[in-house]
Amino acid sequence: MLYLAEIQKQTKLFMGGVETRLKLIACQRNDQSWGVVDNESITINEASDCGEGALIVVNLGNNKQIQGKIELASPRIVA
């Protein structure tokens, strides 16, 4: 399923690394409309070139694992 999400990066104080989370904002329905996602986020292991607060489009499987590439959402939003 296709999701619109926001990149959130948090510093792990104990480990000193950075944890990247995707705050899920909306998902695309079968009829191509979009529905709001209520207060859901996932941690991702993939390194993202996108900065904090970037809006992205990502395809997630049923288990909320990323399928394919993370894309910036701006070309879809502007078009």
N, C-alpha and C. Protein backbone atom coordinates (compact mmCIF):
# COMPACT_ATOMS: atom_id res chain seq x y z
N MET A 1 0.84 -1.17 0.00
CA MET A 1 0.00 0.00 0.00
C MET A 1 0.89 1.24 0.00
N LEU A 2 0.47 2.25 -0.73
CA LEU A 2 1.24 3.47 -0.87
C LEU A 2 0.90 4.44 0.27
N TYR A 3 1.93 4.99 0.90
CA TYR A 3 1.76 5.91 2.04
C TYR A 3 2.48 7.23 1.79
N LEU A 4 1.90 8.30 2.29
CA LEU A 4 2.55 9.59 2.42
C LEU A 4 3.05 9.64 3.85
N ALA A 5 4.34 9.97 4.03
CA ALA A 5 4.93 9.94 5.37
C ALA A 5 5.92 11.09 5.54
N GLU A 6 6.23 11.37 6.79
CA GLU A 6 7.22 12.40 7.14
C GLU A 6 8.42 11.73 7.79
N ILE A 7 9.63 12.12 7.37
CA ILE A 7 10.86 11.60 7.96
C ILE A 7 11.08 12.26 9.32
N GLN A 8 11.30 11.45 10.33
CA GLN A 8 11.64 11.95 11.67
C GLN A 8 12.91 11.24 12.12
N LYS A 9 13.90 12.02 12.52
CA LYS A 9 15.17 11.45 12.97
C LYS A 9 15.38 11.83 14.42
N GLN A 10 15.73 10.82 15.22
CA GLN A 10 15.97 11.04 16.65
C GLN A 10 17.33 10.46 17.02
N THR A 11 18.08 11.20 17.81
CA THR A 11 19.37 10.73 18.29
C THR A 11 19.14 9.75 19.42
N LYS A 12 19.80 8.61 19.34
CA LYS A 12 19.77 7.63 20.43
C LYS A 12 20.86 8.02 21.42
N LEU A 13 20.47 8.45 22.59
CA LEU A 13 21.45 8.94 23.57
C LEU A 13 22.39 7.83 24.03
N PHE A 14 21.88 6.64 24.26
CA PHE A 14 22.71 5.56 24.77
C PHE A 14 23.70 5.07 23.72
N MET A 15 23.24 4.88 22.51
CA MET A 15 24.09 4.33 21.46
C MET A 15 24.81 5.43 20.66
N GLY A 16 24.29 6.64 20.68
CA GLY A 16 24.90 7.73 19.95
C GLY A 16 24.56 7.77 18.47
N GLY A 17 23.74 6.84 18.00
CA GLY A 17 23.35 6.81 16.59
C GLY A 17 22.08 7.60 16.36
N VAL A 18 21.57 7.49 15.16
CA VAL A 18 20.33 8.19 14.80
C VAL A 18 19.30 7.14 14.37
N GLU A 19 18.11 7.26 14.95
CA GLU A 19 17.00 6.39 14.59
C GLU A 19 16.11 7.16 13.61
N THR A 20 15.78 6.52 12.49
CA THR A 20 14.92 7.15 11.51
C THR A 20 13.55 6.50 11.58
N ARG A 21 12.53 7.34 11.71
CA ARG A 21 11.15 6.88 11.78
C ARG A 21 10.36 7.54 10.65
N LEU A 22 9.34 6.84 10.22
CA LEU A 22 8.39 7.40 9.26
C LEU A 22 7.08 7.62 9.98
N LYS A 23 6.64 8.87 10.04
CA LYS A 23 5.33 9.19 10.59
C LYS A 23 4.35 9.07 9.42
N LEU A 24 3.49 8.06 9.48
CA LEU A 24 2.54 7.83 8.40
C LEU A 24 1.42 8.86 8.47
N ILE A 25 1.17 9.54 7.37
CA ILE A 25 0.20 10.63 7.33
C ILE A 25 -1.08 10.20 6.61
N ALA A 26 -0.92 9.54 5.45
CA ALA A 26 -2.08 9.13 4.65
C ALA A 26 -1.71 7.88 3.85
N CYS A 27 -2.74 7.13 3.47
CA CYS A 27 -2.52 5.96 2.62
C CYS A 27 -3.48 6.03 1.42
N GLN A 28 -3.02 5.49 0.30
CA GLN A 28 -3.82 5.51 -0.91
C GLN A 28 -4.76 4.30 -0.92
N ARG A 29 -6.03 4.56 -1.14
CA ARG A 29 -7.03 3.50 -1.18
C ARG A 29 -7.08 2.88 -2.57
N ASN A 30 -7.83 1.80 -2.70
CA ASN A 30 -7.97 1.12 -3.99
C ASN A 30 -8.58 2.00 -5.06
N ASP A 31 -9.43 2.95 -4.67
CA ASP A 31 -10.07 3.83 -5.66
C ASP A 31 -9.21 5.07 -5.98
N GLN A 32 -7.95 5.05 -5.57
CA GLN A 32 -6.97 6.11 -5.82
C GLN A 32 -7.17 7.35 -4.95
N SER A 33 -8.15 7.34 -4.05
CA SER A 33 -8.29 8.45 -3.10
C SER A 33 -7.34 8.19 -1.92
N TRP A 34 -7.20 9.18 -1.07
CA TRP A 34 -6.29 9.06 0.07
C TRP A 34 -7.07 9.15 1.37
N GLY A 35 -6.67 8.36 2.36
CA GLY A 35 -7.28 8.39 3.68
C GLY A 35 -6.24 8.75 4.73
N VAL A 36 -6.65 9.46 5.75
CA VAL A 36 -5.75 9.89 6.82
C VAL A 36 -5.40 8.70 7.71
N VAL A 37 -4.12 8.62 8.11
CA VAL A 37 -3.64 7.61 9.04
C VAL A 37 -3.52 8.28 10.40
N ASP A 38 -4.12 7.70 11.41
CA ASP A 38 -4.11 8.29 12.75
C ASP A 38 -2.91 7.82 13.58
N ASN A 39 -2.02 8.74 13.89
CA ASN A 39 -0.96 8.57 14.87
C ASN A 39 -0.23 7.23 14.75
N GLU A 40 0.34 6.95 13.59
CA GLU A 40 1.09 5.71 13.39
C GLU A 40 2.46 6.05 12.81
N SER A 41 3.49 5.40 13.33
CA SER A 41 4.83 5.58 12.78
C SER A 41 5.56 4.25 12.84
N ILE A 42 6.57 4.13 11.98
CA ILE A 42 7.39 2.92 11.95
C ILE A 42 8.86 3.31 11.94
N THR A 43 9.69 2.45 12.49
CA THR A 43 11.14 2.63 12.44
C THR A 43 11.65 1.95 11.19
N ILE A 44 12.55 2.62 10.49
CA ILE A 44 13.12 2.00 9.29
C ILE A 44 14.62 1.79 9.48
N ASN A 45 15.12 0.76 8.86
CA ASN A 45 16.55 0.45 8.93
C ASN A 45 17.30 1.03 7.75
N GLU A 46 16.59 1.28 6.66
CA GLU A 46 17.22 1.80 5.46
C GLU A 46 17.73 3.22 5.69
N ALA A 47 18.91 3.49 5.20
CA ALA A 47 19.44 4.85 5.28
C ALA A 47 18.68 5.70 4.28
N SER A 48 18.25 6.86 4.72
CA SER A 48 17.51 7.76 3.85
C SER A 48 18.30 9.03 3.64
N ASP A 49 18.39 9.45 2.38
CA ASP A 49 19.08 10.70 2.05
C ASP A 49 18.22 11.91 2.37
N CYS A 50 16.95 11.65 2.66
CA CYS A 50 16.01 12.73 2.96
C CYS A 50 16.28 13.29 4.36
N GLY A 51 16.15 14.58 4.49
CA GLY A 51 16.38 15.22 5.77
C GLY A 51 15.16 15.17 6.68
N GLU A 52 15.37 15.58 7.90
CA GLU A 52 14.31 15.67 8.91
C GLU A 52 13.15 16.50 8.38
N GLY A 53 11.94 15.98 8.51
CA GLY A 53 10.74 16.70 8.11
C GLY A 53 10.36 16.55 6.65
N ALA A 54 11.17 15.86 5.85
CA ALA A 54 10.85 15.68 4.44
C ALA A 54 9.60 14.82 4.28
N LEU A 55 8.76 15.19 3.33
CA LEU A 55 7.58 14.39 3.00
C LEU A 55 7.97 13.41 1.90
N ILE A 56 7.65 12.14 2.12
CA ILE A 56 8.02 11.10 1.17
C ILE A 56 6.81 10.24 0.83
N VAL A 57 6.94 9.48 -0.26
CA VAL A 57 5.96 8.48 -0.64
C VAL A 57 6.68 7.15 -0.58
N VAL A 58 6.06 6.17 0.08
CA VAL A 58 6.70 4.87 0.25
C VAL A 58 5.64 3.78 0.14
N ASN A 59 6.02 2.67 -0.47
CA ASN A 59 5.14 1.52 -0.60
C ASN A 59 5.47 0.56 0.55
N LEU A 60 4.48 0.26 1.38
CA LEU A 60 4.67 -0.64 2.51
C LEU A 60 3.85 -1.90 2.32
N GLY A 61 4.45 -3.04 2.64
CA GLY A 61 3.73 -4.31 2.59
C GLY A 61 2.81 -4.46 3.79
N ASN A 62 2.12 -5.58 3.86
CA ASN A 62 1.19 -5.84 4.97
C ASN A 62 1.87 -5.82 6.33
N ASN A 63 3.14 -6.18 6.36
CA ASN A 63 3.89 -6.19 7.62
C ASN A 63 4.61 -4.87 7.88
N LYS A 64 4.25 -3.83 7.13
CA LYS A 64 4.81 -2.47 7.24
C LYS A 64 6.31 -2.42 6.92
N GLN A 65 6.76 -3.33 6.06
CA GLN A 65 8.13 -3.31 5.58
C GLN A 65 8.17 -2.57 4.25
N ILE A 66 9.22 -1.79 4.03
CA ILE A 66 9.35 -1.00 2.80
C ILE A 66 9.55 -1.92 1.61
N GLN A 67 8.77 -1.66 0.57
CA GLN A 67 8.90 -2.38 -0.69
C GLN A 67 9.25 -1.35 -1.75
N GLY A 68 10.38 -1.49 -2.37
CA GLY A 68 10.81 -0.52 -3.38
C GLY A 68 11.59 0.63 -2.76
N LYS A 69 11.60 1.75 -3.48
CA LYS A 69 12.40 2.90 -3.07
C LYS A 69 11.53 3.96 -2.38
N ILE A 70 12.17 4.69 -1.50
CA ILE A 70 11.56 5.87 -0.89
C ILE A 70 11.68 7.02 -1.88
N GLU A 71 10.59 7.71 -2.14
CA GLU A 71 10.59 8.83 -3.10
C GLU A 71 10.13 10.11 -2.41
N LEU A 72 10.70 11.23 -2.81
CA LEU A 72 10.20 12.52 -2.31
C LEU A 72 8.78 12.72 -2.81
N ALA A 73 7.93 13.26 -1.97
CA ALA A 73 6.50 13.42 -2.31
C ALA A 73 6.23 14.67 -3.13
N SER A 74 7.15 15.62 -3.15
CA SER A 74 6.86 16.90 -3.80
C SER A 74 6.43 16.78 -5.27
N PRO A 75 7.03 15.92 -6.11
CA PRO A 75 6.55 15.83 -7.48
C PRO A 75 5.08 15.38 -7.58
N ARG A 76 4.63 14.53 -6.67
CA ARG A 76 3.23 14.08 -6.68
C ARG A 76 2.30 15.14 -6.14
N ILE A 77 2.77 15.89 -5.15
CA ILE A 77 1.92 16.90 -4.53
C ILE A 77 1.73 18.10 -5.46
N VAL A 78 2.79 18.51 -6.12
CA VAL A 78 2.76 19.67 -6.98
C VAL A 78 2.00 19.38 -8.28
N ALA A 79 2.09 18.17 -8.77
CA ALA A 79 1.48 17.82 -10.07
C ALA A 79 0.01 17.87 -10.06
